[in-house]
Amino acid sequence: MADYLADVQKYDATADAEAVDKIVKHLGIALRSRDSSLVSCSDPEELARVREKWCKKKLGESDDARCDSVIEKVCETMAGDNSKNRVTFYYLVAKHMGKLAAL
């Protein structure tokens, strides 16, 4: 948990530890595999999965364009990081959408 929080804090110094913990619990077994614990911004299928499973299903956003815009912003924010941690990526999407409290 501390590693995930430290990674999120690279992008949000005041990251909510409780929100990070909820994302870790939500992702569960997916975090055990290196491949599934990372997000690839260059893979359209991966970004569609983030939109459908996280942005729309978990966060309750119905506007595809808004989801895609936020996901694109997070990809830009994390552009310097070759290994985009899924927990950090999901946290930043939720934060940009104002949904951290709803996790």
PDB file of N, CA and C in Angstrom:
ATOM      1  N   MET A   1       0.834  -1.199   0.000  1.00  0.00           N
ATOM      2  CA  MET A   1       0.000   0.000   0.000  1.00  0.00           C
ATOM      3  C   MET A   1       0.873   1.256   0.000  1.00  0.00           C
ATOM      4  N   ALA A   2       1.924   1.251   0.798  1.00  0.00           N
ATOM      5  CA  ALA A   2       2.790   2.433   0.893  1.00  0.00           C
ATOM      6  C   ALA A   2       3.441   2.751  -0.448  1.00  0.00           C
ATOM      7  N   ASP A   3       3.802   1.701  -1.210  1.00  0.00           N
ATOM      8  CA  ASP A   3       4.409   1.917  -2.525  1.00  0.00           C
ATOM      9  C   ASP A   3       3.430   2.593  -3.473  1.00  0.00           C
ATOM     10  N   TYR A   4       2.180   2.167  -3.424  1.00  0.00           N
ATOM     11  CA  TYR A   4       1.157   2.767  -4.290  1.00  0.00           C
ATOM     12  C   TYR A   4       0.940   4.223  -3.912  1.00  0.00           C
ATOM     13  N   LEU A   5       0.853   4.494  -2.622  1.00  0.00           N
ATOM     14  CA  LEU A   5       0.653   5.862  -2.163  1.00  0.00           C
ATOM     15  C   LEU A   5       1.830   6.743  -2.569  1.00  0.00           C
ATOM     16  N   ALA A   6       3.039   6.238  -2.429  1.00  0.00           N
ATOM     17  CA  ALA A   6       4.230   7.002  -2.811  1.00  0.00           C
ATOM     18  C   ALA A   6       4.214   7.321  -4.303  1.00  0.00           C
ATOM     19  N   ASP A   7       3.763   6.374  -5.127  1.00  0.00           N
ATOM     20  CA  ASP A   7       3.699   6.612  -6.566  1.00  0.00           C
ATOM     21  C   ASP A   7       2.651   7.684  -6.883  1.00  0.00           C
ATOM     22  N   VAL A   8       1.499   7.602  -6.244  1.00  0.00           N
ATOM     23  CA  VAL A   8       0.447   8.611  -6.459  1.00  0.00           C
ATOM     24  C   VAL A   8       0.953   9.983  -6.029  1.00  0.00           C
ATOM     25  N   GLN A   9       1.706  10.033  -4.936  1.00  0.00           N
ATOM     26  CA  GLN A   9       2.193  11.310  -4.414  1.00  0.00           C
ATOM     27  C   GLN A   9       3.197  11.990  -5.344  1.00  0.00           C
ATOM     28  N   LYS A  10       3.746  11.266  -6.310  1.00  0.00           N
ATOM     29  CA  LYS A  10       4.611  11.904  -7.309  1.00  0.00           C
ATOM     30  C   LYS A  10       3.794  12.882  -8.155  1.00  0.00           C
ATOM     31  N   TYR A  11       2.506  12.635  -8.265  1.00  0.00           N
ATOM     32  CA  TYR A  11       1.624  13.471  -9.083  1.00  0.00           C
ATOM     33  C   TYR A  11       0.656  14.308  -8.255  1.00  0.00           C
ATOM     34  N   ASP A  12       0.412  13.889  -7.015  1.00  0.00           N
ATOM     35  CA  ASP A  12      -0.492  14.607  -6.115  1.00  0.00           C
ATOM     36  C   ASP A  12       0.086  14.503  -4.706  1.00  0.00           C
ATOM     37  N   ALA A  13       0.819  15.541  -4.315  1.00  0.00           N
ATOM     38  CA  ALA A  13       1.516  15.513  -3.024  1.00  0.00           C
ATOM     39  C   ALA A  13       0.564  15.329  -1.842  1.00  0.00           C
ATOM     40  N   THR A  14      -0.678  15.731  -2.006  1.00  0.00           N
ATOM     41  CA  THR A  14      -1.655  15.617  -0.919  1.00  0.00           C
ATOM     42  C   THR A  14      -2.631  14.462  -1.168  1.00  0.00           C
ATOM     43  N   ALA A  15      -2.146  13.399  -1.791  1.00  0.00           N
ATOM     44  CA  ALA A  15      -3.000  12.262  -2.144  1.00  0.00           C
ATOM     45  C   ALA A  15      -3.732  11.701  -0.930  1.00  0.00           C
ATOM     46  N   ASP A  16      -4.960  11.308  -1.157  1.00  0.00           N
ATOM     47  CA  ASP A  16      -5.824  10.735  -0.130  1.00  0.00           C
ATOM     48  C   ASP A  16      -5.504   9.246   0.018  1.00  0.00           C
ATOM     49  N   ALA A  17      -4.861   8.877   1.119  1.00  0.00           N
ATOM     50  CA  ALA A  17      -4.448   7.488   1.348  1.00  0.00           C
ATOM     51  C   ALA A  17      -5.642   6.544   1.355  1.00  0.00           C
ATOM     52  N   GLU A  18      -6.761   6.985   1.864  1.00  0.00           N
ATOM     53  CA  GLU A  18      -7.961   6.146   1.912  1.00  0.00           C
ATOM     54  C   GLU A  18      -8.466   5.855   0.495  1.00  0.00           C
ATOM     55  N   ALA A  19      -8.437   6.861  -0.377  1.00  0.00           N
ATOM     56  CA  ALA A  19      -8.862   6.669  -1.770  1.00  0.00           C
ATOM     57  C   ALA A  19      -7.909   5.701  -2.480  1.00  0.00           C
ATOM     58  N   VAL A  20      -6.616   5.843  -2.248  1.00  0.00           N
ATOM     59  CA  VAL A  20      -5.637   4.937  -2.852  1.00  0.00           C
ATOM     60  C   VAL A  20      -5.911   3.511  -2.386  1.00  0.00           C
ATOM     61  N   ASP A  21      -6.166   3.334  -1.106  1.00  0.00           N
ATOM     62  CA  ASP A  21      -6.452   2.013  -0.549  1.00  0.00           C
ATOM     63  C   ASP A  21      -7.702   1.410  -1.193  1.00  0.00           C
ATOM     64  N   LYS A  22      -8.715   2.210  -1.423  1.00  0.00           N
ATOM     65  CA  LYS A  22      -9.946   1.716  -2.053  1.00  0.00           C
ATOM     66  C   LYS A  22      -9.688   1.273  -3.493  1.00  0.00           C
ATOM     67  N   ILE A  23      -8.835   2.004  -4.195  1.00  0.00           N
ATOM     68  CA  ILE A  23      -8.494   1.618  -5.571  1.00  0.00           C
ATOM     69  C   ILE A  23      -7.715   0.303  -5.564  1.00  0.00           C
ATOM     70  N   VAL A  24      -6.774   0.168  -4.640  1.00  0.00           N
ATOM     71  CA  VAL A  24      -5.990  -1.071  -4.521  1.00  0.00           C
ATOM     72  C   VAL A  24      -6.928  -2.243  -4.254  1.00  0.00           C
ATOM     73  N   LYS A  25      -7.874  -2.075  -3.350  1.00  0.00           N
ATOM     74  CA  LYS A  25      -8.826  -3.147  -3.049  1.00  0.00           C
ATOM     75  C   LYS A  25      -9.707  -3.447  -4.258  1.00  0.00           C
ATOM     76  N   HIS A  26     -10.112  -2.414  -4.979  1.00  0.00           N
ATOM     77  CA  HIS A  26     -10.945  -2.605  -6.176  1.00  0.00           C
ATOM     78  C   HIS A  26     -10.198  -3.419  -7.235  1.00  0.00           C
ATOM     79  N   LEU A  27      -8.933  -3.122  -7.430  1.00  0.00           N
ATOM     80  CA  LEU A  27      -8.150  -3.806  -8.459  1.00  0.00           C
ATOM     81  C   LEU A  27      -7.743  -5.220  -8.043  1.00  0.00           C
ATOM     82  N   GLY A  28      -7.559  -5.418  -6.745  1.00  0.00           N
ATOM     83  CA  GLY A  28      -7.283  -6.736  -6.194  1.00  0.00           C
ATOM     84  C   GLY A  28      -6.234  -7.544  -6.929  1.00  0.00           C
ATOM     85  N   ILE A  29      -6.656  -8.688  -7.434  1.00  0.00           N
ATOM     86  CA  ILE A  29      -5.752  -9.658  -8.047  1.00  0.00           C
ATOM     87  C   ILE A  29      -5.056  -9.120  -9.295  1.00  0.00           C
ATOM     88  N   ALA A  30      -5.636  -8.142  -9.955  1.00  0.00           N
ATOM     89  CA  ALA A  30      -5.025  -7.571 -11.162  1.00  0.00           C
ATOM     90  C   ALA A  30      -3.654  -6.970 -10.871  1.00  0.00           C
ATOM     91  N   LEU A  31      -3.423  -6.561  -9.650  1.00  0.00           N
ATOM     92  CA  LEU A  31      -2.147  -5.935  -9.298  1.00  0.00           C
ATOM     93  C   LEU A  31      -1.020  -6.949  -9.114  1.00  0.00           C
ATOM     94  N   ARG A  32      -1.343  -8.214  -9.114  1.00  0.00           N
ATOM     95  CA  ARG A  32      -0.315  -9.242  -8.918  1.00  0.00           C
ATOM     96  C   ARG A  32       0.532  -9.461 -10.163  1.00  0.00           C
ATOM     97  N   SER A  33      -0.031  -9.178 -11.318  1.00  0.00           N
ATOM     98  CA  SER A  33       0.684  -9.347 -12.579  1.00  0.00           C
ATOM     99  C   SER A  33       1.252  -7.999 -13.014  1.00  0.00           C
ATOM    100  N   ARG A  34       2.519  -7.980 -13.365  1.00  0.00           N
ATOM    101  CA  ARG A  34       3.145  -6.723 -13.781  1.00  0.00           C
ATOM    102  C   ARG A  34       2.397  -6.107 -14.964  1.00  0.00           C
ATOM    103  N   ASP A  35       2.041  -6.926 -15.942  1.00  0.00           N
ATOM    104  CA  ASP A  35       1.361  -6.422 -17.131  1.00  0.00           C
ATOM    105  C   ASP A  35       0.022  -5.767 -16.789  1.00  0.00           C
ATOM    106  N   SER A  36      -0.777  -6.423 -15.977  1.00  0.00           N
ATOM    107  CA  SER A  36      -2.092  -5.863 -15.659  1.00  0.00           C
ATOM    108  C   SER A  36      -2.031  -4.764 -14.595  1.00  0.00           C
ATOM    109  N   SER A  37      -0.886  -4.590 -13.958  1.00  0.00           N
ATOM    110  CA  SER A  37      -0.759  -3.533 -12.953  1.00  0.00           C
ATOM    111  C   SER A  37      -0.341  -2.198 -13.572  1.00  0.00           C
ATOM    112  N   LEU A  38      -0.105  -2.222 -14.894  1.00  0.00           N
ATOM    113  CA  LEU A  38       0.319  -1.013 -15.602  1.00  0.00           C
ATOM    114  C   LEU A  38      -0.711  -0.627 -16.660  1.00  0.00           C
ATOM    115  N   VAL A  39      -0.734   0.656 -17.013  1.00  0.00           N
ATOM    116  CA  VAL A  39      -1.610   1.160 -18.066  1.00  0.00           C
ATOM    117  C   VAL A  39      -0.737   1.615 -19.226  1.00  0.00           C
ATOM    118  N   SER A  40      -1.114   1.194 -20.432  1.00  0.00           N
ATOM    119  CA  SER A  40      -0.390   1.596 -21.639  1.00  0.00           C
ATOM    120  C   SER A  40      -1.211   2.636 -22.391  1.00  0.00           C
ATOM    121  N   CYS A  41      -0.725   3.866 -22.423  1.00  0.00           N
ATOM    122  CA  CYS A  41      -1.439   4.946 -23.105  1.00  0.00           C
ATOM    123  C   CYS A  41      -1.351   4.818 -24.628  1.00  0.00           C
ATOM    124  N   SER A  42      -0.480   3.959 -25.118  1.00  0.00           N
ATOM    125  CA  SER A  42      -0.348   3.777 -26.561  1.00  0.00           C
ATOM    126  C   SER A  42      -1.237   2.648 -27.086  1.00  0.00           C
ATOM    127  N   ASP A  43      -1.965   1.993 -26.198  1.00  0.00           N
ATOM    128  CA  ASP A  43      -2.831   0.870 -26.577  1.00  0.00           C
ATOM    129  C   ASP A  43      -4.297   1.303 -26.522  1.00  0.00           C
ATOM    130  N   PRO A  44      -4.930   1.504 -27.686  1.00  0.00           N
ATOM    131  CA  PRO A  44      -6.331   1.951 -27.717  1.00  0.00           C
ATOM    132  C   PRO A  44      -7.289   1.006 -26.980  1.00  0.00           C
ATOM    133  N   GLU A  45      -7.015  -0.299 -27.034  1.00  0.00           N
ATOM    134  CA  GLU A  45      -7.873  -1.257 -26.323  1.00  0.00           C
ATOM    135  C   GLU A  45      -7.766  -1.069 -24.812  1.00  0.00           C
ATOM    136  N   GLU A  46      -6.567  -0.789 -24.345  1.00  0.00           N
ATOM    137  CA  GLU A  46      -6.343  -0.553 -22.913  1.00  0.00           C
ATOM    138  C   GLU A  46      -7.096   0.698 -22.465  1.00  0.00           C
ATOM    139  N   LEU A  47      -7.008   1.749 -23.255  1.00  0.00           N
ATOM    140  CA  LEU A  47      -7.678   3.002 -22.895  1.00  0.00           C
ATOM    141  C   LEU A  47      -9.196   2.841 -22.942  1.00  0.00           C
ATOM    142  N   ALA A  48      -9.696   2.046 -23.882  1.00  0.00           N
ATOM    143  CA  ALA A  48     -11.132   1.767 -23.940  1.00  0.00           C
ATOM    144  C   ALA A  48     -11.566   0.989 -22.696  1.00  0.00           C
ATOM    145  N   ARG A  49     -10.715   0.074 -22.244  1.00  0.00           N
ATOM    146  CA  ARG A  49     -11.015  -0.701 -21.031  1.00  0.00           C
ATOM    147  C   ARG A  49     -11.058   0.216 -19.807  1.00  0.00           C
ATOM    148  N   VAL A  50     -10.128   1.153 -19.722  1.00  0.00           N
ATOM    149  CA  VAL A  50     -10.134   2.112 -18.608  1.00  0.00           C
ATOM    150  C   VAL A  50     -11.422   2.925 -18.654  1.00  0.00           C
ATOM    151  N   ARG A  51     -11.803   3.371 -19.845  1.00  0.00           N
ATOM    152  CA  ARG A  51     -13.036   4.163 -19.994  1.00  0.00           C
ATOM    153  C   ARG A  51     -14.257   3.354 -19.556  1.00  0.00           C
ATOM    154  N   GLU A  52     -14.382   2.135 -20.062  1.00  0.00           N
ATOM    155  CA  GLU A  52     -15.580   1.335 -19.799  1.00  0.00           C
ATOM    156  C   GLU A  52     -15.650   0.808 -18.363  1.00  0.00           C
ATOM    157  N   LYS A  53     -14.548   0.238 -17.884  1.00  0.00           N
ATOM    158  CA  LYS A  53     -14.568  -0.439 -16.578  1.00  0.00           C
ATOM    159  C   LYS A  53     -14.366   0.509 -15.393  1.00  0.00           C
ATOM    160  N   TRP A  54     -13.564   1.548 -15.585  1.00  0.00           N
ATOM    161  CA  TRP A  54     -13.274   2.444 -14.460  1.00  0.00           C
ATOM    162  C   TRP A  54     -14.118   3.716 -14.540  1.00  0.00           C
ATOM    163  N   CYS A  55     -13.961   4.421 -15.640  1.00  0.00           N
ATOM    164  CA  CYS A  55     -14.599   5.728 -15.773  1.00  0.00           C
ATOM    165  C   CYS A  55     -16.134   5.616 -15.773  1.00  0.00           C
ATOM    166  N   LYS A  56     -16.649   4.704 -16.571  1.00  0.00           N
ATOM    167  CA  LYS A  56     -18.098   4.596 -16.707  1.00  0.00           C
ATOM    168  C   LYS A  56     -18.715   3.696 -15.636  1.00  0.00           C
ATOM    169  N   LYS A  57     -18.184   2.488 -15.492  1.00  0.00           N
ATOM    170  CA  LYS A  57     -18.799   1.531 -14.571  1.00  0.00           C
ATOM    171  C   LYS A  57     -18.574   1.903 -13.105  1.00  0.00           C
ATOM    172  N   LYS A  58     -17.329   2.126 -12.726  1.00  0.00           N
ATOM    173  CA  LYS A  58     -17.022   2.392 -11.307  1.00  0.00           C
ATOM    174  C   LYS A  58     -17.325   3.833 -10.901  1.00  0.00           C
ATOM    175  N   LEU A  59     -16.927   4.784 -11.755  1.00  0.00           N
ATOM    176  CA  LEU A  59     -17.118   6.193 -11.385  1.00  0.00           C
ATOM    177  C   LEU A  59     -18.487   6.735 -11.794  1.00  0.00           C
ATOM    178  N   GLY A  60     -19.199   6.004 -12.634  1.00  0.00           N
ATOM    179  CA  GLY A  60     -20.558   6.395 -12.990  1.00  0.00           C
ATOM    180  C   GLY A  60     -20.675   7.504 -14.023  1.00  0.00           C
ATOM    181  N   GLU A  61     -19.629   7.759 -14.774  1.00  0.00           N
ATOM    182  CA  GLU A  61     -19.664   8.805 -15.812  1.00  0.00           C
ATOM    183  C   GLU A  61     -20.306   8.227 -17.073  1.00  0.00           C
ATOM    184  N   SER A  62     -21.255   8.934 -17.647  1.00  0.00           N
ATOM    185  CA  SER A  62     -21.948   8.415 -18.832  1.00  0.00           C
ATOM    186  C   SER A  62     -21.451   9.035 -20.139  1.00  0.00           C
ATOM    187  N   ASP A  63     -20.667  10.088 -20.040  1.00  0.00           N
ATOM    188  CA  ASP A  63     -20.204  10.812 -21.224  1.00  0.00           C
ATOM    189  C   ASP A  63     -18.852  10.266 -21.697  1.00  0.00           C
ATOM    190  N   ASP A  64     -18.879   9.512 -22.812  1.00  0.00           N
ATOM    191  CA  ASP A  64     -17.644   8.932 -23.351  1.00  0.00           C
ATOM    192  C   ASP A  64     -16.590   9.998 -23.639  1.00  0.00           C
ATOM    193  N   ALA A  65     -17.024  11.115 -24.209  1.00  0.00           N
ATOM    194  CA  ALA A  65     -16.084  12.180 -24.576  1.00  0.00           C
ATOM    195  C   ALA A  65     -15.385  12.737 -23.332  1.00  0.00           C
ATOM    196  N   ARG A  66     -16.119  12.911 -22.256  1.00  0.00           N
ATOM    197  CA  ARG A  66     -15.513  13.417 -21.015  1.00  0.00           C
ATOM    198  C   ARG A  66     -14.509  12.402 -20.480  1.00  0.00           C
ATOM    199  N   CYS A  67     -14.891  11.128 -20.477  1.00  0.00           N
ATOM    200  CA  CYS A  67     -13.967  10.077 -20.026  1.00  0.00           C
ATOM    201  C   CYS A  67     -12.696  10.093 -20.860  1.00  0.00           C
ATOM    202  N   ASP A  68     -12.855  10.114 -22.182  1.00  0.00           N
ATOM    203  CA  ASP A  68     -11.697  10.096 -23.073  1.00  0.00           C
ATOM    204  C   ASP A  68     -10.807  11.314 -22.856  1.00  0.00           C
ATOM    205  N   SER A  69     -11.423  12.477 -22.630  1.00  0.00           N
ATOM    206  CA  SER A  69     -10.667  13.710 -22.400  1.00  0.00           C
ATOM    207  C   SER A  69      -9.837  13.606 -21.113  1.00  0.00           C
ATOM    208  N   VAL A  70     -10.454  13.100 -20.053  1.00  0.00           N
ATOM    209  CA  VAL A  70      -9.751  12.953 -18.772  1.00  0.00           C
ATOM    210  C   VAL A  70      -8.639  11.920 -18.891  1.00  0.00           C
ATOM    211  N   ILE A  71      -8.912  10.806 -19.554  1.00  0.00           N
ATOM    212  CA  ILE A  71      -7.895   9.766 -19.733  1.00  0.00           C
ATOM    213  C   ILE A  71      -6.718  10.330 -20.521  1.00  0.00           C
ATOM    214  N   GLU A  72      -6.997  11.123 -21.543  1.00  0.00           N
ATOM    215  CA  GLU A  72      -5.937  11.754 -22.334  1.00  0.00           C
ATOM    216  C   GLU A  72      -5.097  12.700 -21.473  1.00  0.00           C
ATOM    217  N   LYS A  73      -5.755  13.475 -20.603  1.00  0.00           N
ATOM    218  CA  LYS A  73      -5.035  14.387 -19.695  1.00  0.00           C
ATOM    219  C   LYS A  73      -4.107  13.609 -18.772  1.00  0.00           C
ATOM    220  N   VAL A  74      -4.608  12.494 -18.249  1.00  0.00           N
ATOM    221  CA  VAL A  74      -3.792  11.686 -17.334  1.00  0.00           C
ATOM    222  C   VAL A  74      -2.611  11.076 -18.091  1.00  0.00           C
ATOM    223  N   CYS A  75      -2.835  10.647 -19.327  1.00  0.00           N
ATOM    224  CA  CYS A  75      -1.724  10.129 -20.148  1.00  0.00           C
ATOM    225  C   CYS A  75      -0.656  11.211 -20.336  1.00  0.00           C
ATOM    226  N   GLU A  76      -1.090  12.447 -20.581  1.00  0.00           N
ATOM    227  CA  GLU A  76      -0.149  13.563 -20.736  1.00  0.00           C
ATOM    228  C   GLU A  76       0.582  13.837 -19.432  1.00  0.00           C
ATOM    229  N   THR A  77      -0.156  13.817 -18.319  1.00  0.00           N
ATOM    230  CA  THR A  77       0.436  14.069 -17.009  1.00  0.00           C
ATOM    231  C   THR A  77       1.513  13.040 -16.688  1.00  0.00           C
ATOM    232  N   MET A  78       1.255  11.781 -17.049  1.00  0.00           N
ATOM    233  CA  MET A  78       2.174  10.693 -16.716  1.00  0.00           C
ATOM    234  C   MET A  78       3.118  10.348 -17.870  1.00  0.00           C
ATOM    235  N   ALA A  79       3.187  11.187 -18.878  1.00  0.00           N
ATOM    236  CA  ALA A  79       3.971  10.907 -20.092  1.00  0.00           C
ATOM    237  C   ALA A  79       5.432  10.577 -19.798  1.00  0.00           C
ATOM    238  N   GLY A  80       6.018  11.162 -18.782  1.00  0.00           N
ATOM    239  CA  GLY A  80       7.420  10.924 -18.459  1.00  0.00           C
ATOM    240  C   GLY A  80       7.674   9.606 -17.754  1.00  0.00           C
ATOM    241  N   ASP A  81       6.613   8.924 -17.382  1.00  0.00           N
ATOM    242  CA  ASP A  81       6.724   7.668 -16.634  1.00  0.00           C
ATOM    243  C   ASP A  81       6.498   6.501 -17.586  1.00  0.00           C
ATOM    244  N   ASN A  82       7.551   5.728 -17.874  1.00  0.00           N
ATOM    245  CA  ASN A  82       7.427   4.605 -18.805  1.00  0.00           C
ATOM    246  C   ASN A  82       6.541   3.487 -18.266  1.00  0.00           C
ATOM    247  N   SER A  83       6.478   3.345 -16.962  1.00  0.00           N
ATOM    248  CA  SER A  83       5.632   2.334 -16.327  1.00  0.00           C
ATOM    249  C   SER A  83       4.527   3.046 -15.559  1.00  0.00           C
ATOM    250  N   LYS A  84       3.400   3.222 -16.223  1.00  0.00           N
ATOM    251  CA  LYS A  84       2.281   3.952 -15.610  1.00  0.00           C
ATOM    252  C   LYS A  84       1.505   3.005 -14.697  1.00  0.00           C
ATOM    253  N   ASN A  85       1.692   3.183 -13.405  1.00  0.00           N
ATOM    254  CA  ASN A  85       1.044   2.357 -12.401  1.00  0.00           C
ATOM    255  C   ASN A  85      -0.473   2.514 -12.496  1.00  0.00           C
ATOM    256  N   ARG A  86      -1.203   1.394 -12.563  1.00  0.00           N
ATOM    257  CA  ARG A  86      -2.661   1.431 -12.721  1.00  0.00           C
ATOM    258  C   ARG A  86      -3.342   2.138 -11.550  1.00  0.00           C
ATOM    259  N   VAL A  87      -2.860   1.919 -10.332  1.00  0.00           N
ATOM    260  CA  VAL A  87      -3.456   2.579  -9.168  1.00  0.00           C
ATOM    261  C   VAL A  87      -3.328   4.093  -9.314  1.00  0.00           C
ATOM    262  N   THR A  88      -2.150   4.564  -9.675  1.00  0.00           N
ATOM    263  CA  THR A  88      -1.921   6.000  -9.850  1.00  0.00           C
ATOM    264  C   THR A  88      -2.787   6.536 -10.987  1.00  0.00           C
ATOM    265  N   PHE A  89      -2.834   5.815 -12.086  1.00  0.00           N
ATOM    266  CA  PHE A  89      -3.621   6.240 -13.249  1.00  0.00           C
ATOM    267  C   PHE A  89      -5.091   6.375 -12.863  1.00  0.00           C
ATOM    268  N   TYR A  90      -5.639   5.363 -12.204  1.00  0.00           N
ATOM    269  CA  TYR A  90      -7.047   5.385 -11.804  1.00  0.00           C
ATOM    270  C   TYR A  90      -7.304   6.504 -10.794  1.00  0.00           C
ATOM    271  N   TYR A  91      -6.368   6.703  -9.875  1.00  0.00           N
ATOM    272  CA  TYR A  91      -6.517   7.784  -8.892  1.00  0.00           C
ATOM    273  C   TYR A  91      -6.620   9.131  -9.605  1.00  0.00           C
ATOM    274  N   LEU A  92      -5.725   9.370 -10.554  1.00  0.00           N
ATOM    275  CA  LEU A  92      -5.717  10.654 -11.252  1.00  0.00           C
ATOM    276  C   LEU A  92      -6.969  10.844 -12.107  1.00  0.00           C
ATOM    277  N   VAL A  93      -7.472   9.774 -12.711  1.00  0.00           N
ATOM    278  CA  VAL A  93      -8.729   9.872 -13.465  1.00  0.00           C
ATOM    279  C   VAL A  93      -9.854  10.267 -12.512  1.00  0.00           C
ATOM    280  N   ALA A  94      -9.946   9.586 -11.375  1.00  0.00           N
ATOM    281  CA  ALA A  94     -10.998   9.893 -10.394  1.00  0.00           C
ATOM    282  C   ALA A  94     -10.868  11.325  -9.877  1.00  0.00           C
ATOM    283  N   LYS A  95      -9.642  11.762  -9.641  1.00  0.00           N
ATOM    284  CA  LYS A  95      -9.427  13.120  -9.138  1.00  0.00           C
ATOM    285  C   LYS A  95      -9.855  14.158 -10.174  1.00  0.00           C
ATOM    286  N   HIS A  96      -9.462  13.966 -11.434  1.00  0.00           N
ATOM    287  CA  HIS A  96      -9.834  14.921 -12.483  1.00  0.00           C
ATOM    288  C   HIS A  96     -11.349  14.978 -12.671  1.00  0.00           C
ATOM    289  N   MET A  97     -12.023  13.884 -12.386  1.00  0.00           N
ATOM    290  CA  MET A  97     -13.473  13.846 -12.550  1.00  0.00           C
ATOM    291  C   MET A  97     -14.206  14.280 -11.285  1.00  0.00           C
ATOM    292  N   GLY A  98     -13.455  14.586 -10.222  1.00  0.00           N
ATOM    293  CA  GLY A  98     -14.073  15.007  -8.970  1.00  0.00           C
ATOM    294  C   GLY A  98     -14.808  13.871  -8.267  1.00  0.00           C
ATOM    295  N   LYS A  99     -14.307  12.642  -8.442  1.00  0.00           N
ATOM    296  CA  LYS A  99     -15.015  11.466  -7.916  1.00  0.00           C
ATOM    297  C   LYS A  99     -14.252  10.743  -6.803  1.00  0.00           C
ATOM    298  N   LEU A 100     -13.206  11.336  -6.270  1.00  0.00           N
ATOM    299  CA  LEU A 100     -12.439  10.646  -5.216  1.00  0.00           C
ATOM    300  C   LEU A 100     -13.307  10.310  -4.001  1.00  0.00           C
ATOM    301  N   ALA A 101     -14.179  11.222  -3.638  1.00  0.00           N
ATOM    302  CA  ALA A 101     -15.022  11.006  -2.468  1.00  0.00           C
ATOM    303  C   ALA A 101     -16.036   9.888  -2.696  1.00  0.00           C
ATOM    304  N   ALA A 102     -16.326   9.603  -3.955  1.00  0.00           N
ATOM    305  CA  ALA A 102     -17.336   8.576  -4.279  1.00  0.00           C
ATOM    306  C   ALA A 102     -16.759   7.164  -4.332  1.00  0.00           C
ATOM    307  N   LEU A 103     -15.443   7.024  -4.168  1.00  0.00           N
ATOM    308  CA  LEU A 103     -14.846   5.686  -4.272  1.00  0.00           C
ATOM    309  C   LEU A 103     -15.277   4.760  -3.159  1.00  0.00           C
TER     310      LEU A 103
END
